[in-house]
Full PDB file with SEQRES, HELIX, SHEET, SSBOND, CRYST1, ORIGX, SCALE, CONECT and MASTER records, all heavy atoms in Angstrom:
SEQRES   1 A   34  ASN ASP LYS LEU LYS ASN GLN LEU ALA SER ARG THR SER          
SEQRES   2 A   34  ASN LYS PRO ALA PRO VAL ALA ASP THR ILE GLU ALA TYR          
SEQRES   3 A   34  MET LYS LYS MET ALA PRO ARG PHE                              
HELIX    1 AA1 ASP A    2  SER A   13  1                                  12    
HELIX    2 AA2 VAL A   19  MET A   30  1                                  12    
CRYST1    1.000    1.000    1.000  90.00  90.00  90.00 P 1           1          
ORIGX1      1.000000  0.000000  0.000000        0.00000                         
ORIGX2      0.000000  1.000000  0.000000        0.00000                         
ORIGX3      0.000000  0.000000  1.000000        0.00000                         
SCALE1      1.000000  0.000000  0.000000        0.00000                         
SCALE2      0.000000  1.000000  0.000000        0.00000                         
SCALE3      0.000000  0.000000  1.000000        0.00000                         
ATOM      1  N   ASN A   1       5.350-254.242 105.305  1.00  0.00           N  
ATOM      2  CA  ASN A   1       4.486-253.355 104.576  1.00  0.00           C  
ATOM      3  C   ASN A   1       2.980-253.736 104.607  1.00  0.00           C  
ATOM      4  O   ASN A   1       2.095-252.970 104.827  1.00  0.00           O  
ATOM      5  CB  ASN A   1       4.916-253.190 103.047  1.00  0.00           C  
ATOM      6  CG  ASN A   1       6.311-252.463 102.994  1.00  0.00           C  
ATOM      7  OD1 ASN A   1       6.687-251.694 103.888  1.00  0.00           O  
ATOM      8  ND2 ASN A   1       6.975-252.724 101.840  1.00  0.00           N  
ATOM      9  N   ASP A   2       2.856-255.067 104.465  1.00  0.00           N  
ATOM     10  CA  ASP A   2       1.465-255.591 104.600  1.00  0.00           C  
ATOM     11  C   ASP A   2       0.921-255.288 105.905  1.00  0.00           C  
ATOM     12  O   ASP A   2      -0.328-254.996 106.027  1.00  0.00           O  
ATOM     13  CB  ASP A   2       1.433-257.038 104.307  1.00  0.00           C  
ATOM     14  CG  ASP A   2       1.797-257.325 102.742  1.00  0.00           C  
ATOM     15  OD1 ASP A   2       1.587-256.373 101.947  1.00  0.00           O  
ATOM     16  OD2 ASP A   2       2.146-258.450 102.406  1.00  0.00           O  
ATOM     17  N   LYS A   3       1.677-255.425 106.907  1.00  0.00           N  
ATOM     18  CA  LYS A   3       1.215-255.312 108.320  1.00  0.00           C  
ATOM     19  C   LYS A   3       0.829-253.780 108.624  1.00  0.00           C  
ATOM     20  O   LYS A   3      -0.206-253.672 109.184  1.00  0.00           O  
ATOM     21  CB  LYS A   3       2.328-255.614 109.376  1.00  0.00           C  
ATOM     22  CG  LYS A   3       1.900-255.604 110.769  1.00  0.00           C  
ATOM     23  CD  LYS A   3       2.960-256.048 111.732  1.00  0.00           C  
ATOM     24  CE  LYS A   3       2.557-255.945 113.142  1.00  0.00           C  
ATOM     25  NZ  LYS A   3       3.628-256.430 114.036  1.00  0.00           N  
ATOM     26  N   LEU A   4       1.595-252.869 108.034  1.00  0.00           N  
ATOM     27  CA  LEU A   4       1.336-251.521 108.237  1.00  0.00           C  
ATOM     28  C   LEU A   4       0.062-251.121 107.413  1.00  0.00           C  
ATOM     29  O   LEU A   4      -0.788-250.369 107.899  1.00  0.00           O  
ATOM     30  CB  LEU A   4       2.543-250.668 107.551  1.00  0.00           C  
ATOM     31  CG  LEU A   4       3.791-250.607 108.526  1.00  0.00           C  
ATOM     32  CD1 LEU A   4       4.816-249.889 107.736  1.00  0.00           C  
ATOM     33  CD2 LEU A   4       3.542-249.900 109.727  1.00  0.00           C  
ATOM     34  N   LYS A   5      -0.169-251.773 106.251  1.00  0.00           N  
ATOM     35  CA  LYS A   5      -1.344-251.479 105.469  1.00  0.00           C  
ATOM     36  C   LYS A   5      -2.526-251.925 106.196  1.00  0.00           C  
ATOM     37  O   LYS A   5      -3.637-251.238 106.236  1.00  0.00           O  
ATOM     38  CB  LYS A   5      -1.180-252.080 104.023  1.00  0.00           C  
ATOM     39  CG  LYS A   5      -0.333-251.528 103.059  1.00  0.00           C  
ATOM     40  CD  LYS A   5      -0.241-252.236 101.832  1.00  0.00           C  
ATOM     41  CE  LYS A   5       0.724-251.572 100.834  1.00  0.00           C  
ATOM     42  NZ  LYS A   5       0.785-252.252  99.543  1.00  0.00           N  
ATOM     43  N   ASN A   6      -2.457-253.110 106.805  1.00  0.00           N  
ATOM     44  CA  ASN A   6      -3.576-253.656 107.655  1.00  0.00           C  
ATOM     45  C   ASN A   6      -3.968-252.778 108.724  1.00  0.00           C  
ATOM     46  O   ASN A   6      -5.133-252.585 109.155  1.00  0.00           O  
ATOM     47  CB  ASN A   6      -3.288-255.017 108.010  1.00  0.00           C  
ATOM     48  CG  ASN A   6      -3.240-256.072 106.888  1.00  0.00           C  
ATOM     49  OD1 ASN A   6      -3.842-255.858 105.874  1.00  0.00           O  
ATOM     50  ND2 ASN A   6      -2.503-257.142 107.042  1.00  0.00           N  
ATOM     51  N   GLN A   7      -2.880-252.213 109.545  1.00  0.00           N  
ATOM     52  CA  GLN A   7      -3.024-251.439 110.617  1.00  0.00           C  
ATOM     53  C   GLN A   7      -3.844-250.060 110.230  1.00  0.00           C  
ATOM     54  O   GLN A   7      -4.690-249.703 110.846  1.00  0.00           O  
ATOM     55  CB  GLN A   7      -1.701-251.045 111.282  1.00  0.00           C  
ATOM     56  CG  GLN A   7      -1.160-252.225 111.993  1.00  0.00           C  
ATOM     57  CD  GLN A   7       0.281-251.939 112.632  1.00  0.00           C  
ATOM     58  OE1 GLN A   7       0.836-250.915 112.227  1.00  0.00           O  
ATOM     59  NE2 GLN A   7       0.733-252.723 113.550  1.00  0.00           N  
ATOM     60  N   LEU A   8      -3.319-249.534 109.080  1.00  0.00           N  
ATOM     61  CA  LEU A   8      -3.992-248.303 108.596  1.00  0.00           C  
ATOM     62  C   LEU A   8      -5.361-248.505 108.177  1.00  0.00           C  
ATOM     63  O   LEU A   8      -6.258-247.786 108.567  1.00  0.00           O  
ATOM     64  CB  LEU A   8      -3.168-247.729 107.425  1.00  0.00           C  
ATOM     65  CG  LEU A   8      -1.842-247.094 107.797  1.00  0.00           C  
ATOM     66  CD1 LEU A   8      -1.037-246.764 106.466  1.00  0.00           C  
ATOM     67  CD2 LEU A   8      -2.010-245.840 108.564  1.00  0.00           C  
ATOM     68  N   ALA A   9      -5.617-249.645 107.610  1.00  0.00           N  
ATOM     69  CA  ALA A   9      -6.919-249.981 107.088  1.00  0.00           C  
ATOM     70  C   ALA A   9      -7.859-250.214 108.422  1.00  0.00           C  
ATOM     71  O   ALA A   9      -9.134-249.724 108.418  1.00  0.00           O  
ATOM     72  CB  ALA A   9      -7.069-251.315 106.384  1.00  0.00           C  
ATOM     73  N   SER A  10      -7.369-250.808 109.453  1.00  0.00           N  
ATOM     74  CA  SER A  10      -8.090-250.994 110.590  1.00  0.00           C  
ATOM     75  C   SER A  10      -8.467-249.701 111.307  1.00  0.00           C  
ATOM     76  O   SER A  10      -9.478-249.541 111.766  1.00  0.00           O  
ATOM     77  CB  SER A  10      -7.268-251.931 111.592  1.00  0.00           C  
ATOM     78  OG  SER A  10      -8.018-252.109 112.910  1.00  0.00           O  
ATOM     79  N   ARG A  11      -7.438-248.741 111.360  1.00  0.00           N  
ATOM     80  CA  ARG A  11      -7.716-247.395 111.969  1.00  0.00           C  
ATOM     81  C   ARG A  11      -8.777-246.683 111.111  1.00  0.00           C  
ATOM     82  O   ARG A  11      -9.563-246.049 111.784  1.00  0.00           O  
ATOM     83  CB  ARG A  11      -6.466-246.553 111.962  1.00  0.00           C  
ATOM     84  CG  ARG A  11      -5.409-247.159 113.102  1.00  0.00           C  
ATOM     85  CD  ARG A  11      -4.065-246.397 113.024  1.00  0.00           C  
ATOM     86  NE  ARG A  11      -3.144-246.880 113.936  1.00  0.00           N  
ATOM     87  CZ  ARG A  11      -1.893-246.395 113.951  1.00  0.00           C  
ATOM     88  NH1 ARG A  11      -1.555-245.333 113.233  1.00  0.00           N  
ATOM     89  NH2 ARG A  11      -1.017-246.934 114.793  1.00  0.00           N  
ATOM     90  N   THR A  12      -8.717-246.759 109.815  1.00  0.00           N  
ATOM     91  CA  THR A  12      -9.691-246.031 108.987  1.00  0.00           C  
ATOM     92  C   THR A  12     -11.037-246.630 109.232  1.00  0.00           C  
ATOM     93  O   THR A  12     -11.987-245.874 109.325  1.00  0.00           O  
ATOM     94  CB  THR A  12      -9.289-246.274 107.570  1.00  0.00           C  
ATOM     95  OG1 THR A  12      -7.941-245.720 107.332  1.00  0.00           O  
ATOM     96  CG2 THR A  12     -10.261-245.421 106.653  1.00  0.00           C  
ATOM     97  N   SER A  13     -11.213-247.874 109.305  1.00  0.00           N  
ATOM     98  CA  SER A  13     -12.619-248.459 109.458  1.00  0.00           C  
ATOM     99  C   SER A  13     -13.069-248.308 110.841  1.00  0.00           C  
ATOM    100  O   SER A  13     -14.351-248.222 110.985  1.00  0.00           O  
ATOM    101  CB  SER A  13     -12.475-250.027 109.315  1.00  0.00           C  
ATOM    102  OG  SER A  13     -11.632-250.614 110.269  1.00  0.00           O  
ATOM    103  N   ASN A  14     -12.225-247.853 111.810  1.00  0.00           N  
ATOM    104  CA  ASN A  14     -12.731-247.600 113.206  1.00  0.00           C  
ATOM    105  C   ASN A  14     -12.874-246.097 113.443  1.00  0.00           C  
ATOM    106  O   ASN A  14     -13.278-245.648 114.510  1.00  0.00           O  
ATOM    107  CB  ASN A  14     -11.767-248.136 114.294  1.00  0.00           C  
ATOM    108  CG  ASN A  14     -11.642-249.712 114.268  1.00  0.00           C  
ATOM    109  OD1 ASN A  14     -12.658-250.168 113.905  1.00  0.00           O  
ATOM    110  ND2 ASN A  14     -10.549-250.154 114.579  1.00  0.00           N  
ATOM    111  N   LYS A  15     -12.761-245.221 112.384  1.00  0.00           N  
ATOM    112  CA  LYS A  15     -12.959-243.830 112.564  1.00  0.00           C  
ATOM    113  C   LYS A  15     -14.428-243.624 112.869  1.00  0.00           C  
ATOM    114  O   LYS A  15     -15.369-244.242 112.349  1.00  0.00           O  
ATOM    115  CB  LYS A  15     -12.543-243.015 111.271  1.00  0.00           C  
ATOM    116  CG  LYS A  15     -11.089-242.843 111.262  1.00  0.00           C  
ATOM    117  CD  LYS A  15     -10.854-242.032 109.888  1.00  0.00           C  
ATOM    118  CE  LYS A  15      -9.279-241.792 109.737  1.00  0.00           C  
ATOM    119  NZ  LYS A  15      -9.031-240.936 108.639  1.00  0.00           N  
ATOM    120  N   PRO A  16     -14.814-242.607 113.669  1.00  0.00           N  
ATOM    121  CA  PRO A  16     -16.185-242.301 114.027  1.00  0.00           C  
ATOM    122  C   PRO A  16     -16.844-241.635 112.856  1.00  0.00           C  
ATOM    123  O   PRO A  16     -16.142-241.113 111.903  1.00  0.00           O  
ATOM    124  CB  PRO A  16     -16.094-241.251 115.102  1.00  0.00           C  
ATOM    125  CG  PRO A  16     -14.678-240.640 114.975  1.00  0.00           C  
ATOM    126  CD  PRO A  16     -13.868-241.774 114.580  1.00  0.00           C  
ATOM    127  N   ALA A  17     -18.100-241.881 112.621  1.00  0.00           N  
ATOM    128  CA  ALA A  17     -18.899-241.409 111.544  1.00  0.00           C  
ATOM    129  C   ALA A  17     -18.864-239.831 111.518  1.00  0.00           C  
ATOM    130  O   ALA A  17     -18.904-239.301 112.588  1.00  0.00           O  
ATOM    131  CB  ALA A  17     -20.244-241.978 111.497  1.00  0.00           C  
ATOM    132  N   PRO A  18     -18.901-239.256 110.404  1.00  0.00           N  
ATOM    133  CA  PRO A  18     -18.972-237.782 110.373  1.00  0.00           C  
ATOM    134  C   PRO A  18     -20.219-237.267 111.058  1.00  0.00           C  
ATOM    135  O   PRO A  18     -21.234-238.063 111.088  1.00  0.00           O  
ATOM    136  CB  PRO A  18     -18.974-237.482 108.769  1.00  0.00           C  
ATOM    137  CG  PRO A  18     -18.385-238.532 108.184  1.00  0.00           C  
ATOM    138  CD  PRO A  18     -18.610-239.749 109.044  1.00  0.00           C  
ATOM    139  N   VAL A  19     -20.233-236.084 111.652  1.00  0.00           N  
ATOM    140  CA  VAL A  19     -21.302-235.684 112.356  1.00  0.00           C  
ATOM    141  C   VAL A  19     -22.606-235.544 111.526  1.00  0.00           C  
ATOM    142  O   VAL A  19     -23.675-235.934 111.949  1.00  0.00           O  
ATOM    143  CB  VAL A  19     -20.965-234.226 112.970  1.00  0.00           C  
ATOM    144  CG1 VAL A  19     -22.258-233.579 113.615  1.00  0.00           C  
ATOM    145  CG2 VAL A  19     -19.825-234.205 113.861  1.00  0.00           C  
ATOM    146  N   ALA A  20     -22.337-235.183 110.298  1.00  0.00           N  
ATOM    147  CA  ALA A  20     -23.578-235.058 109.426  1.00  0.00           C  
ATOM    148  C   ALA A  20     -24.267-236.344 109.187  1.00  0.00           C  
ATOM    149  O   ALA A  20     -25.437-236.466 109.169  1.00  0.00           O  
ATOM    150  CB  ALA A  20     -23.080-234.431 108.058  1.00  0.00           C  
ATOM    151  N   ASP A  21     -23.454-237.388 109.089  1.00  0.00           N  
ATOM    152  CA  ASP A  21     -24.022-238.820 108.898  1.00  0.00           C  
ATOM    153  C   ASP A  21     -24.738-239.239 110.174  1.00  0.00           C  
ATOM    154  O   ASP A  21     -25.767-239.846 110.106  1.00  0.00           O  
ATOM    155  CB  ASP A  21     -22.886-239.781 108.586  1.00  0.00           C  
ATOM    156  CG  ASP A  21     -22.148-239.461 107.182  1.00  0.00           C  
ATOM    157  OD1 ASP A  21     -22.966-238.787 106.400  1.00  0.00           O  
ATOM    158  OD2 ASP A  21     -21.198-239.929 106.942  1.00  0.00           O  
ATOM    159  N   THR A  22     -24.111-238.861 111.285  1.00  0.00           N  
ATOM    160  CA  THR A  22     -24.789-239.156 112.636  1.00  0.00           C  
ATOM    161  C   THR A  22     -26.101-238.484 112.667  1.00  0.00           C  
ATOM    162  O   THR A  22     -27.132-239.130 113.085  1.00  0.00           O  
ATOM    163  CB  THR A  22     -23.865-238.697 113.900  1.00  0.00           C  
ATOM    164  OG1 THR A  22     -22.692-239.438 113.700  1.00  0.00           O  
ATOM    165  CG2 THR A  22     -24.624-239.100 115.158  1.00  0.00           C  
ATOM    166  N   ILE A  23     -26.251-237.262 112.394  1.00  0.00           N  
ATOM    167  CA  ILE A  23     -27.482-236.397 112.346  1.00  0.00           C  
ATOM    168  C   ILE A  23     -28.438-237.127 111.343  1.00  0.00           C  
ATOM    169  O   ILE A  23     -29.629-237.260 111.683  1.00  0.00           O  
ATOM    170  CB  ILE A  23     -27.222-235.072 112.045  1.00  0.00           C  
ATOM    171  CG1 ILE A  23     -26.447-234.400 113.194  1.00  0.00           C  
ATOM    172  CG2 ILE A  23     -28.559-234.345 111.850  1.00  0.00           C  
ATOM    173  CD1 ILE A  23     -26.038-233.041 112.940  1.00  0.00           C  
ATOM    174  N   GLU A  24     -27.968-237.503 110.223  1.00  0.00           N  
ATOM    175  CA  GLU A  24     -28.877-238.159 109.215  1.00  0.00           C  
ATOM    176  C   GLU A  24     -29.430-239.375 109.763  1.00  0.00           C  
ATOM    177  O   GLU A  24     -30.584-239.749 109.525  1.00  0.00           O  
ATOM    178  CB  GLU A  24     -28.078-238.308 107.958  1.00  0.00           C  
ATOM    179  CG  GLU A  24     -29.019-239.026 106.791  1.00  0.00           C  
ATOM    180  CD  GLU A  24     -28.256-239.045 105.549  1.00  0.00           C  
ATOM    181  OE1 GLU A  24     -27.113-238.732 105.366  1.00  0.00           O  
ATOM    182  OE2 GLU A  24     -28.954-239.584 104.532  1.00  0.00           O  
ATOM    183  N   ALA A  25     -28.519-240.160 110.514  1.00  0.00           N  
ATOM    184  CA  ALA A  25     -29.037-241.490 111.117  1.00  0.00           C  
ATOM    185  C   ALA A  25     -30.131-241.129 112.123  1.00  0.00           C  
ATOM    186  O   ALA A  25     -31.165-241.881 112.237  1.00  0.00           O  
ATOM    187  CB  ALA A  25     -27.944-242.170 111.797  1.00  0.00           C  
ATOM    188  N   TYR A  26     -29.966-240.035 113.021  1.00  0.00           N  
ATOM    189  CA  TYR A  26     -30.994-239.729 113.901  1.00  0.00           C  
ATOM    190  C   TYR A  26     -32.273-239.365 113.235  1.00  0.00           C  
ATOM    191  O   TYR A  26     -33.361-239.665 113.665  1.00  0.00           O  
ATOM    192  CB  TYR A  26     -30.514-238.540 114.816  1.00  0.00           C  
ATOM    193  CG  TYR A  26     -29.807-238.899 115.976  1.00  0.00           C  
ATOM    194  CD1 TYR A  26     -28.433-238.930 116.106  1.00  0.00           C  
ATOM    195  CD2 TYR A  26     -30.519-239.339 117.197  1.00  0.00           C  
ATOM    196  CE1 TYR A  26     -27.793-239.313 117.301  1.00  0.00           C  
ATOM    197  CE2 TYR A  26     -29.882-239.754 118.360  1.00  0.00           C  
ATOM    198  CZ  TYR A  26     -28.548-239.707 118.400  1.00  0.00           C  
ATOM    199  OH  TYR A  26     -27.970-239.994 119.517  1.00  0.00           O  
ATOM    200  N   MET A  27     -32.210-238.553 112.094  1.00  0.00           N  
ATOM    201  CA  MET A  27     -33.365-238.073 111.314  1.00  0.00           C  
ATOM    202  C   MET A  27     -34.076-239.461 110.822  1.00  0.00           C  
ATOM    203  O   MET A  27     -35.402-239.480 110.952  1.00  0.00           O  
ATOM    204  CB  MET A  27     -32.995-237.309 110.116  1.00  0.00           C  
ATOM    205  CG  MET A  27     -32.391-235.914 110.521  1.00  0.00           C  
ATOM    206  SD  MET A  27     -33.874-234.788 110.942  1.00  0.00           S  
ATOM    207  CE  MET A  27     -34.489-234.552 109.287  1.00  0.00           C  
ATOM    208  N   LYS A  28     -33.364-240.340 110.295  1.00  0.00           N  
ATOM    209  CA  LYS A  28     -34.096-241.583 109.889  1.00  0.00           C  
ATOM    210  C   LYS A  28     -34.793-242.313 110.982  1.00  0.00           C  
ATOM    211  O   LYS A  28     -35.795-242.852 110.780  1.00  0.00           O  
ATOM    212  CB  LYS A  28     -33.074-242.497 109.138  1.00  0.00           C  
ATOM    213  CG  LYS A  28     -32.591-241.967 107.817  1.00  0.00           C  
ATOM    214  CD  LYS A  28     -31.642-242.915 107.088  1.00  0.00           C  
ATOM    215  CE  LYS A  28     -31.160-242.380 105.722  1.00  0.00           C  
ATOM    216  NZ  LYS A  28     -30.176-243.250 105.137  1.00  0.00           N  
ATOM    217  N   LYS A  29     -34.019-242.382 112.162  1.00  0.00           N  
ATOM    218  CA  LYS A  29     -34.576-243.073 113.383  1.00  0.00           C  
ATOM    219  C   LYS A  29     -35.783-242.366 113.879  1.00  0.00           C  
ATOM    220  O   LYS A  29     -36.813-243.091 114.262  1.00  0.00           O  
ATOM    221  CB  LYS A  29     -33.495-243.167 114.377  1.00  0.00           C  
ATOM    222  CG  LYS A  29     -33.914-243.855 115.657  1.00  0.00           C  
ATOM    223  CD  LYS A  29     -32.861-243.769 116.687  1.00  0.00           C  
ATOM    224  CE  LYS A  29     -33.397-244.513 117.978  1.00  0.00           C  
ATOM    225  NZ  LYS A  29     -32.172-244.455 118.929  1.00  0.00           N  
ATOM    226  N   MET A  30     -35.864-241.119 113.833  1.00  0.00           N  
ATOM    227  CA  MET A  30     -37.015-240.305 114.219  1.00  0.00           C  
ATOM    228  C   MET A  30     -38.065-240.116 113.163  1.00  0.00           C  
ATOM    229  O   MET A  30     -39.178-239.500 113.593  1.00  0.00           O  
ATOM    230  CB  MET A  30     -36.433-238.872 114.741  1.00  0.00           C  
ATOM    231  CG  MET A  30     -35.596-238.981 116.009  1.00  0.00           C  
ATOM    232  SD  MET A  30     -36.500-239.638 117.518  1.00  0.00           S  
ATOM    233  CE  MET A  30     -35.825-241.393 117.568  1.00  0.00           C  
ATOM    234  N   ALA A  31     -37.903-240.459 112.018  1.00  0.00           N  
ATOM    235  CA  ALA A  31     -38.806-240.196 110.875  1.00  0.00           C  
ATOM    236  C   ALA A  31     -40.278-240.630 111.255  1.00  0.00           C  
ATOM    237  O   ALA A  31     -41.224-239.899 111.008  1.00  0.00           O  
ATOM    238  CB  ALA A  31     -38.412-240.894 109.581  1.00  0.00           C  
ATOM    239  N   PRO A  32     -40.530-241.902 111.855  1.00  0.00           N  
ATOM    240  CA  PRO A  32     -41.925-242.165 112.233  1.00  0.00           C  
ATOM    241  C   PRO A  32     -42.535-241.279 113.191  1.00  0.00           C  
ATOM    242  O   PRO A  32     -43.670-240.949 113.077  1.00  0.00           O  
ATOM    243  CB  PRO A  32     -41.756-243.725 112.850  1.00  0.00           C  
ATOM    244  CG  PRO A  32     -40.438-244.135 112.114  1.00  0.00           C  
ATOM    245  CD  PRO A  32     -39.580-243.022 112.023  1.00  0.00           C  
ATOM    246  N   ARG A  33     -41.745-240.773 114.161  1.00  0.00           N  
ATOM    247  CA  ARG A  33     -42.169-239.792 115.126  1.00  0.00           C  
ATOM    248  C   ARG A  33     -42.524-238.456 114.505  1.00  0.00           C  
ATOM    249  O   ARG A  33     -43.538-237.907 114.785  1.00  0.00           O  
ATOM    250  CB  ARG A  33     -41.109-239.642 116.234  1.00  0.00           C  
ATOM    251  CG  ARG A  33     -41.614-238.761 117.378  1.00  0.00           C  
ATOM    252  CD  ARG A  33     -42.346-239.607 118.294  1.00  0.00           C  
ATOM    253  NE  ARG A  33     -41.554-240.540 119.079  1.00  0.00           N  
ATOM    254  CZ  ARG A  33     -40.920-240.320 120.226  1.00  0.00           C  
ATOM    255  NH1 ARG A  33     -40.862-239.186 120.679  1.00  0.00           N  
ATOM    256  NH2 ARG A  33     -40.197-241.356 120.676  1.00  0.00           N  
ATOM    257  N   PHE A  34     -41.734-237.986 113.592  1.00  0.00           N  
ATOM    258  CA  PHE A  34     -41.925-236.850 112.835  1.00  0.00           C  
ATOM    259  C   PHE A  34     -43.293-236.917 111.950  1.00  0.00           C  
ATOM    260  O   PHE A  34     -43.940-236.065 111.820  1.00  0.00           O  
ATOM    261  CB  PHE A  34     -40.790-236.435 111.925  1.00  0.00           C  
ATOM    262  CG  PHE A  34     -39.494-236.051 112.621  1.00  0.00           C  
ATOM    263  CD1 PHE A  34     -38.278-236.299 112.180  1.00  0.00           C  
ATOM    264  CD2 PHE A  34     -39.627-235.208 113.913  1.00  0.00           C  
ATOM    265  CE1 PHE A  34     -37.088-235.828 112.830  1.00  0.00           C  
ATOM    266  CE2 PHE A  34     -38.457-234.851 114.538  1.00  0.00           C  
ATOM    267  CZ  PHE A  34     -37.283-235.257 113.943  1.00  0.00           C  
TER     268      PHE A  34                                                      
MASTER        0    0    0    2    0    0    0    6  267    1    0    3          
END                                                                             
């Protein structure tokens, strides 16, 4: 059970960031240019 929990936790942590969060990151990166 512990092994399964660790695997699920690992998969969750490796999920790609939501698109909205990715766009927000781009906005912050481009803020000086804007």
